[in-house]
PDB file of all heavy atoms in Angstrom:
ATOM      1  N   ASN A   1       0.808  -1.193   0.028  1.00  0.00           N
ATOM      2  CA  ASN A   1       0.010   0.037   0.035  1.00  0.00           C
ATOM      3  C   ASN A   1       0.874   1.294  -0.013  1.00  0.00           C
ATOM      4  O   ASN A   1       1.896   1.338   0.658  1.00  0.00           O
ATOM      5  CB  ASN A   1      -0.893   0.021   1.222  1.00  0.00           C
ATOM      6  CG  ASN A   1      -1.990  -1.064   1.144  1.00  0.00           C
ATOM      7  OD1 ASN A   1      -2.309  -1.574   0.090  1.00  0.00           O
ATOM      8  ND2 ASN A   1      -2.474  -1.486   2.341  1.00  0.00           N
ATOM      9  N   ASP A   2       0.413   2.243  -0.747  1.00  0.00           N
ATOM     10  CA  ASP A   2       1.019   3.618  -0.803  1.00  0.00           C
ATOM     11  C   ASP A   2       2.417   3.579  -1.424  1.00  0.00           C
ATOM     12  O   ASP A   2       3.228   4.395  -1.147  1.00  0.00           O
ATOM     13  CB  ASP A   2       1.028   4.291   0.568  1.00  0.00           C
ATOM     14  CG  ASP A   2      -0.348   4.517   1.047  1.00  0.00           C
ATOM     15  OD1 ASP A   2      -1.237   4.932   0.261  1.00  0.00           O
ATOM     16  OD2 ASP A   2      -0.608   4.280   2.210  1.00  0.00           O
ATOM     17  N   THR A   3       2.629   2.533  -2.209  1.00  0.00           N
ATOM     18  CA  THR A   3       3.868   2.466  -3.028  1.00  0.00           C
ATOM     19  C   THR A   3       3.452   2.059  -4.440  1.00  0.00           C
ATOM     20  O   THR A   3       2.280   1.801  -4.654  1.00  0.00           O
ATOM     21  CB  THR A   3       4.854   1.403  -2.521  1.00  0.00           C
ATOM     22  OG1 THR A   3       4.412   0.054  -2.787  1.00  0.00           O
ATOM     23  CG2 THR A   3       5.122   1.579  -1.011  1.00  0.00           C
ATOM     24  N   ASN A   4       4.355   2.064  -5.320  1.00  0.00           N
ATOM     25  CA  ASN A   4       4.053   1.528  -6.669  1.00  0.00           C
ATOM     26  C   ASN A   4       4.324   0.042  -6.862  1.00  0.00           C
ATOM     27  O   ASN A   4       4.291  -0.452  -7.960  1.00  0.00           O
ATOM     28  CB  ASN A   4       4.852   2.313  -7.739  1.00  0.00           C
ATOM     29  CG  ASN A   4       4.437   3.760  -7.811  1.00  0.00           C
ATOM     30  OD1 ASN A   4       3.323   4.157  -7.417  1.00  0.00           O
ATOM     31  ND2 ASN A   4       5.283   4.634  -8.416  1.00  0.00           N
ATOM     32  N   VAL A   5       4.611  -0.607  -5.748  1.00  0.00           N
ATOM     33  CA  VAL A   5       4.829  -2.016  -5.774  1.00  0.00           C
ATOM     34  C   VAL A   5       3.498  -2.743  -5.878  1.00  0.00           C
ATOM     35  O   VAL A   5       2.750  -2.898  -4.882  1.00  0.00           O
ATOM     36  CB  VAL A   5       5.619  -2.553  -4.591  1.00  0.00           C
ATOM     37  CG1 VAL A   5       5.771  -4.029  -4.600  1.00  0.00           C
ATOM     38  CG2 VAL A   5       6.974  -1.781  -4.462  1.00  0.00           C
ATOM     39  N   ASP A   6       3.157  -3.113  -7.087  1.00  0.00           N
ATOM     40  CA  ASP A   6       1.866  -3.803  -7.422  1.00  0.00           C
ATOM     41  C   ASP A   6       2.103  -4.559  -8.729  1.00  0.00           C
ATOM     42  O   ASP A   6       1.625  -4.186  -9.800  1.00  0.00           O
ATOM     43  CB  ASP A   6       0.804  -2.696  -7.577  1.00  0.00           C
ATOM     44  CG  ASP A   6      -0.559  -3.289  -7.550  1.00  0.00           C
ATOM     45  OD1 ASP A   6      -0.711  -4.484  -7.380  1.00  0.00           O
ATOM     46  OD2 ASP A   6      -1.560  -2.525  -7.801  1.00  0.00           O
ATOM     47  N   TYR A   7       2.789  -5.673  -8.576  1.00  0.00           N
ATOM     48  CA  TYR A   7       3.328  -6.387  -9.758  1.00  0.00           C
ATOM     49  C   TYR A   7       3.227  -7.890  -9.652  1.00  0.00           C
ATOM     50  O   TYR A   7       3.135  -8.466  -8.523  1.00  0.00           O
ATOM     51  CB  TYR A   7       4.849  -6.082  -9.908  1.00  0.00           C
ATOM     52  CG  TYR A   7       5.155  -4.668 -10.245  1.00  0.00           C
ATOM     53  CD1 TYR A   7       5.723  -3.810  -9.342  1.00  0.00           C
ATOM     54  CD2 TYR A   7       4.916  -4.140 -11.487  1.00  0.00           C
ATOM     55  CE1 TYR A   7       6.048  -2.497  -9.611  1.00  0.00           C
ATOM     56  CE2 TYR A   7       5.222  -2.822 -11.823  1.00  0.00           C
ATOM     57  CZ  TYR A   7       5.802  -1.972 -10.888  1.00  0.00           C
ATOM     58  OH  TYR A   7       6.102  -0.702 -11.194  1.00  0.00           O
ATOM     59  N   PRO A   8       3.185  -8.568 -10.845  1.00  0.00           N
ATOM     60  CA  PRO A   8       3.314 -10.018 -10.838  1.00  0.00           C
ATOM     61  C   PRO A   8       4.715 -10.462 -10.393  1.00  0.00           C
ATOM     62  O   PRO A   8       5.664  -9.724 -10.535  1.00  0.00           O
ATOM     63  CB  PRO A   8       2.991 -10.384 -12.265  1.00  0.00           C
ATOM     64  CG  PRO A   8       3.356  -9.196 -13.043  1.00  0.00           C
ATOM     65  CD  PRO A   8       3.064  -8.004 -12.171  1.00  0.00           C
ATOM     66  N   ILE A   9       4.793 -11.633  -9.808  1.00  0.00           N
ATOM     67  CA  ILE A   9       6.046 -12.262  -9.488  1.00  0.00           C
ATOM     68  C   ILE A   9       6.259 -13.481 -10.419  1.00  0.00           C
ATOM     69  O   ILE A   9       5.367 -14.249 -10.584  1.00  0.00           O
ATOM     70  CB  ILE A   9       6.058 -12.733  -7.991  1.00  0.00           C
ATOM     71  CG1 ILE A   9       5.829 -11.567  -7.044  1.00  0.00           C
ATOM     72  CG2 ILE A   9       7.411 -13.403  -7.685  1.00  0.00           C
ATOM     73  CD1 ILE A   9       5.717 -11.982  -5.554  1.00  0.00           C
ATOM     74  N   VAL A  10       7.474 -13.502 -10.927  1.00  0.00           N
ATOM     75  CA  VAL A  10       7.791 -14.573 -11.897  1.00  0.00           C
ATOM     76  C   VAL A  10       9.037 -15.333 -11.437  1.00  0.00           C
ATOM     77  O   VAL A  10       9.783 -14.889 -10.540  1.00  0.00           O
ATOM     78  CB  VAL A  10       8.083 -14.016 -13.288  1.00  0.00           C
ATOM     79  CG1 VAL A  10       6.813 -13.578 -13.965  1.00  0.00           C
ATOM     80  CG2 VAL A  10       9.083 -12.858 -13.248  1.00  0.00           C
ATOM     81  N   GLN A  11       9.234 -16.536 -12.009  1.00  0.00           N
ATOM     82  CA  GLN A  11      10.421 -17.343 -11.764  1.00  0.00           C
ATOM     83  C   GLN A  11      10.719 -18.156 -13.030  1.00  0.00           C
ATOM     84  O   GLN A  11       9.860 -18.902 -13.527  1.00  0.00           O
ATOM     85  CB  GLN A  11      10.258 -18.302 -10.628  1.00  0.00           C
ATOM     86  CG  GLN A  11      11.472 -19.054 -10.224  1.00  0.00           C
ATOM     87  CD  GLN A  11      11.284 -20.036  -9.100  1.00  0.00           C
ATOM     88  OE1 GLN A  11      11.330 -21.217  -9.275  1.00  0.00           O
ATOM     89  NE2 GLN A  11      11.136 -19.480  -7.875  1.00  0.00           N
ATOM     90  N   SER A  12      11.880 -17.920 -13.569  1.00  0.00           N
ATOM     91  CA  SER A  12      12.320 -18.589 -14.753  1.00  0.00           C
ATOM     92  C   SER A  12      12.741 -20.011 -14.412  1.00  0.00           C
ATOM     93  O   SER A  12      13.560 -20.180 -13.468  1.00  0.00           O
ATOM     94  CB  SER A  12      13.408 -17.846 -15.430  1.00  0.00           C
ATOM     95  OG  SER A  12      13.975 -18.644 -16.506  1.00  0.00           O
ATOM     96  N   ALA A  13      12.305 -20.940 -15.216  1.00  0.00           N
ATOM     97  CA  ALA A  13      12.697 -22.305 -14.956  1.00  0.00           C
ATOM     98  C   ALA A  13      14.084 -22.653 -15.490  1.00  0.00           C
ATOM     99  O   ALA A  13      14.703 -23.669 -15.139  1.00  0.00           O
ATOM    100  CB  ALA A  13      11.660 -23.279 -15.584  1.00  0.00           C
ATOM    101  N   LYS A  14      14.630 -21.742 -16.348  1.00  0.00           N
ATOM    102  CA  LYS A  14      15.880 -22.059 -17.038  1.00  0.00           C
ATOM    103  C   LYS A  14      17.045 -21.087 -16.690  1.00  0.00           C
ATOM    104  O   LYS A  14      18.183 -21.461 -16.701  1.00  0.00           O
ATOM    105  CB  LYS A  14      15.704 -21.987 -18.562  1.00  0.00           C
ATOM    106  CG  LYS A  14      14.652 -23.027 -19.008  1.00  0.00           C
ATOM    107  CD  LYS A  14      14.463 -22.991 -20.544  1.00  0.00           C
ATOM    108  CE  LYS A  14      13.527 -23.978 -21.065  1.00  0.00           C
ATOM    109  NZ  LYS A  14      13.301 -23.845 -22.533  1.00  0.00           N
ATOM    110  N   ASP A  15      16.728 -19.815 -16.325  1.00  0.00           N
ATOM    111  CA  ASP A  15      17.752 -18.792 -16.197  1.00  0.00           C
ATOM    112  C   ASP A  15      17.339 -17.805 -15.113  1.00  0.00           C
ATOM    113  O   ASP A  15      16.448 -17.012 -15.287  1.00  0.00           O
ATOM    114  CB  ASP A  15      17.981 -18.116 -17.510  1.00  0.00           C
ATOM    115  CG  ASP A  15      19.037 -17.066 -17.464  1.00  0.00           C
ATOM    116  OD1 ASP A  15      19.731 -16.928 -16.379  1.00  0.00           O
ATOM    117  OD2 ASP A  15      19.236 -16.317 -18.472  1.00  0.00           O
ATOM    118  N   ASP A  16      18.051 -17.870 -13.967  1.00  0.00           N
ATOM    119  CA  ASP A  16      17.643 -16.988 -12.863  1.00  0.00           C
ATOM    120  C   ASP A  16      17.805 -15.538 -13.199  1.00  0.00           C
ATOM    121  O   ASP A  16      17.121 -14.680 -12.609  1.00  0.00           O
ATOM    122  CB  ASP A  16      18.564 -17.294 -11.667  1.00  0.00           C
ATOM    123  CG  ASP A  16      18.081 -18.465 -10.837  1.00  0.00           C
ATOM    124  OD1 ASP A  16      16.886 -18.817 -10.944  1.00  0.00           O
ATOM    125  OD2 ASP A  16      18.873 -19.086 -10.144  1.00  0.00           O
ATOM    126  N   SER A  17      18.649 -15.176 -14.167  1.00  0.00           N
ATOM    127  CA  SER A  17      18.906 -13.789 -14.455  1.00  0.00           C
ATOM    128  C   SER A  17      18.012 -13.293 -15.604  1.00  0.00           C
ATOM    129  O   SER A  17      18.021 -12.151 -15.991  1.00  0.00           O
ATOM    130  CB  SER A  17      20.350 -13.624 -14.933  1.00  0.00           C
ATOM    131  OG  SER A  17      20.672 -14.371 -16.092  1.00  0.00           O
ATOM    132  N   PHE A  18      17.151 -14.150 -16.158  1.00  0.00           N
ATOM    133  CA  PHE A  18      16.324 -13.798 -17.276  1.00  0.00           C
ATOM    134  C   PHE A  18      15.466 -12.564 -17.023  1.00  0.00           C
ATOM    135  O   PHE A  18      15.419 -11.640 -17.898  1.00  0.00           O
ATOM    136  CB  PHE A  18      15.425 -14.980 -17.689  1.00  0.00           C
ATOM    137  CG  PHE A  18      14.547 -14.684 -18.908  1.00  0.00           C
ATOM    138  CD1 PHE A  18      15.051 -14.749 -20.168  1.00  0.00           C
ATOM    139  CD2 PHE A  18      13.182 -14.341 -18.671  1.00  0.00           C
ATOM    140  CE1 PHE A  18      14.219 -14.475 -21.267  1.00  0.00           C
ATOM    141  CE2 PHE A  18      12.417 -14.058 -19.801  1.00  0.00           C
ATOM    142  CZ  PHE A  18      12.933 -14.147 -21.081  1.00  0.00           C
ATOM    143  N   TYR A  19      14.806 -12.521 -15.870  1.00  0.00           N
ATOM    144  CA  TYR A  19      13.862 -11.446 -15.648  1.00  0.00           C
ATOM    145  C   TYR A  19      14.552 -10.161 -15.137  1.00  0.00           C
ATOM    146  O   TYR A  19      13.862  -9.171 -14.757  1.00  0.00           O
ATOM    147  CB  TYR A  19      12.764 -11.930 -14.693  1.00  0.00           C
ATOM    148  CG  TYR A  19      11.812 -12.878 -15.369  1.00  0.00           C
ATOM    149  CD1 TYR A  19      11.828 -14.205 -15.088  1.00  0.00           C
ATOM    150  CD2 TYR A  19      10.892 -12.341 -16.310  1.00  0.00           C
ATOM    151  CE1 TYR A  19      10.938 -15.059 -15.771  1.00  0.00           C
ATOM    152  CE2 TYR A  19       9.984 -13.231 -16.914  1.00  0.00           C
ATOM    153  CZ  TYR A  19      10.010 -14.589 -16.664  1.00  0.00           C
ATOM    154  OH  TYR A  19       9.123 -15.384 -17.294  1.00  0.00           O
ATOM    155  N   LEU A  20      15.867 -10.165 -15.091  1.00  0.00           N
ATOM    156  CA  LEU A  20      16.550  -8.891 -14.841  1.00  0.00           C
ATOM    157  C   LEU A  20      16.298  -7.905 -15.989  1.00  0.00           C
ATOM    158  O   LEU A  20      16.235  -6.701 -15.783  1.00  0.00           O
ATOM    159  CB  LEU A  20      18.085  -9.115 -14.726  1.00  0.00           C
ATOM    160  CG  LEU A  20      18.603  -9.610 -13.381  1.00  0.00           C
ATOM    161  CD1 LEU A  20      20.046  -9.987 -13.460  1.00  0.00           C
ATOM    162  CD2 LEU A  20      18.456  -8.493 -12.311  1.00  0.00           C
ATOM    163  N   LYS A  21      16.103  -8.434 -17.177  1.00  0.00           N
ATOM    164  CA  LYS A  21      15.980  -7.583 -18.329  1.00  0.00           C
ATOM    165  C   LYS A  21      14.735  -8.015 -19.221  1.00  0.00           C
ATOM    166  O   LYS A  21      14.709  -7.715 -20.429  1.00  0.00           O
ATOM    167  CB  LYS A  21      17.207  -7.584 -19.169  1.00  0.00           C
ATOM    168  CG  LYS A  21      18.432  -6.961 -18.510  1.00  0.00           C
ATOM    169  CD  LYS A  21      18.235  -5.460 -18.204  1.00  0.00           C
ATOM    170  CE  LYS A  21      19.423  -4.889 -17.517  1.00  0.00           C
ATOM    171  NZ  LYS A  21      19.243  -3.450 -17.170  1.00  0.00           N
ATOM    172  N   HIS A  22      13.788  -8.644 -18.650  1.00  0.00           N
ATOM    173  CA  HIS A  22      12.549  -9.029 -19.392  1.00  0.00           C
ATOM    174  C   HIS A  22      11.312  -8.827 -18.564  1.00  0.00           C
ATOM    175  O   HIS A  22      11.335  -8.984 -17.344  1.00  0.00           O
ATOM    176  CB  HIS A  22      12.656 -10.544 -19.841  1.00  0.00           C
ATOM    177  CG  HIS A  22      13.714 -10.782 -20.813  1.00  0.00           C
ATOM    178  ND1 HIS A  22      15.026 -10.985 -20.488  1.00  0.00           N
ATOM    179  CD2 HIS A  22      13.689 -10.816 -22.195  1.00  0.00           C
ATOM    180  CE1 HIS A  22      15.771 -11.210 -21.566  1.00  0.00           C
ATOM    181  NE2 HIS A  22      14.953 -11.122 -22.669  1.00  0.00           N
ATOM    182  N   LYS A  23      10.243  -8.479 -19.215  1.00  0.00           N
ATOM    183  CA  LYS A  23       8.956  -8.226 -18.593  1.00  0.00           C
ATOM    184  C   LYS A  23       8.332  -9.504 -18.171  1.00  0.00           C
ATOM    185  O   LYS A  23       8.479 -10.589 -18.747  1.00  0.00           O
ATOM    186  CB  LYS A  23       8.054  -7.486 -19.505  1.00  0.00           C
ATOM    187  CG  LYS A  23       8.421  -6.079 -19.864  1.00  0.00           C
ATOM    188  CD  LYS A  23       7.414  -5.492 -20.878  1.00  0.00           C
ATOM    189  CE  LYS A  23       7.767  -4.010 -21.178  1.00  0.00           C
ATOM    190  NZ  LYS A  23       6.772  -3.430 -22.129  1.00  0.00           N
ATOM    191  N   ALA A  24       7.544  -9.381 -17.107  1.00  0.00           N
ATOM    192  CA  ALA A  24       6.792 -10.575 -16.574  1.00  0.00           C
ATOM    193  C   ALA A  24       5.672 -10.891 -17.542  1.00  0.00           C
ATOM    194  O   ALA A  24       5.308 -12.048 -17.785  1.00  0.00           O
ATOM    195  CB  ALA A  24       6.298 -10.260 -15.157  1.00  0.00           C
ATOM    196  N   GLU A  25       4.996  -9.866 -18.071  1.00  0.00           N
ATOM    197  CA  GLU A  25       3.744 -10.074 -18.806  1.00  0.00           C
ATOM    198  C   GLU A  25       3.911 -10.900 -20.064  1.00  0.00           C
ATOM    199  O   GLU A  25       3.068 -11.752 -20.377  1.00  0.00           O
ATOM    200  CB  GLU A  25       3.103  -8.703 -19.094  1.00  0.00           C
ATOM    201  CG  GLU A  25       2.581  -7.959 -17.887  1.00  0.00           C
ATOM    202  CD  GLU A  25       3.655  -7.217 -17.105  1.00  0.00           C
ATOM    203  OE1 GLU A  25       4.839  -7.227 -17.544  1.00  0.00           O
ATOM    204  OE2 GLU A  25       3.369  -6.718 -15.995  1.00  0.00           O
ATOM    205  N   ASP A  26       4.951 -10.620 -20.850  1.00  0.00           N
ATOM    206  CA  ASP A  26       5.089 -11.341 -22.092  1.00  0.00           C
ATOM    207  C   ASP A  26       6.574 -11.756 -22.398  1.00  0.00           C
ATOM    208  O   ASP A  26       6.837 -12.126 -23.508  1.00  0.00           O
ATOM    209  CB  ASP A  26       4.613 -10.420 -23.254  1.00  0.00           C
ATOM    210  CG  ASP A  26       5.269  -9.106 -23.322  1.00  0.00           C
ATOM    211  OD1 ASP A  26       6.334  -8.895 -22.548  1.00  0.00           O
ATOM    212  OD2 ASP A  26       4.874  -8.218 -24.085  1.00  0.00           O
ATOM    213  N   LYS A  27       7.437 -11.630 -21.475  1.00  0.00           N
ATOM    214  CA  LYS A  27       8.847 -12.026 -21.591  1.00  0.00           C
ATOM    215  C   LYS A  27       9.640 -11.129 -22.639  1.00  0.00           C
ATOM    216  O   LYS A  27      10.700 -11.479 -23.014  1.00  0.00           O
ATOM    217  CB  LYS A  27       8.993 -13.465 -22.000  1.00  0.00           C
ATOM    218  CG  LYS A  27       8.492 -14.456 -20.936  1.00  0.00           C
ATOM    219  CD  LYS A  27       8.800 -15.917 -21.361  1.00  0.00           C
ATOM    220  CE  LYS A  27       8.297 -16.903 -20.304  1.00  0.00           C
ATOM    221  NZ  LYS A  27       8.689 -18.302 -20.663  1.00  0.00           N
ATOM    222  N   SER A  28       9.081 -10.038 -22.978  1.00  0.00           N
ATOM    223  CA  SER A  28       9.793  -9.108 -23.887  1.00  0.00           C
ATOM    224  C   SER A  28      10.854  -8.353 -23.146  1.00  0.00           C
ATOM    225  O   SER A  28      10.834  -8.223 -21.923  1.00  0.00           O
ATOM    226  CB  SER A  28       8.771  -8.127 -24.564  1.00  0.00           C
ATOM    227  OG  SER A  28       8.235  -7.281 -23.583  1.00  0.00           O
ATOM    228  N   TRP A  29      11.876  -7.891 -23.937  1.00  0.00           N
ATOM    229  CA  TRP A  29      13.030  -7.241 -23.290  1.00  0.00           C
ATOM    230  C   TRP A  29      12.613  -5.936 -22.703  1.00  0.00           C
ATOM    231  O   TRP A  29      11.786  -5.188 -23.204  1.00  0.00           O
ATOM    232  CB  TRP A  29      14.101  -6.977 -24.348  1.00  0.00           C
ATOM    233  CG  TRP A  29      15.392  -6.467 -23.728  1.00  0.00           C
ATOM    234  CD1 TRP A  29      16.421  -7.191 -23.318  1.00  0.00           C
ATOM    235  CD2 TRP A  29      15.698  -5.105 -23.456  1.00  0.00           C
ATOM    236  NE1 TRP A  29      17.410  -6.374 -22.796  1.00  0.00           N
ATOM    237  CE2 TRP A  29      16.974  -5.087 -22.829  1.00  0.00           C
ATOM    238  CE3 TRP A  29      15.053  -3.878 -23.581  1.00  0.00           C
ATOM    239  CZ2 TRP A  29      17.658  -3.897 -22.399  1.00  0.00           C
ATOM    240  CZ3 TRP A  29      15.641  -2.673 -23.159  1.00  0.00           C
ATOM    241  CH2 TRP A  29      16.962  -2.710 -22.559  1.00  0.00           C
TER     242      TRP A  29
END
């Protein structure tokens, strides 16, 4: 509450660093 933290949480099955530079919604860069 009262922050902009309102997001999906993801976990890559293949690469822990994948979501450092990819969106959760569609895996786009």
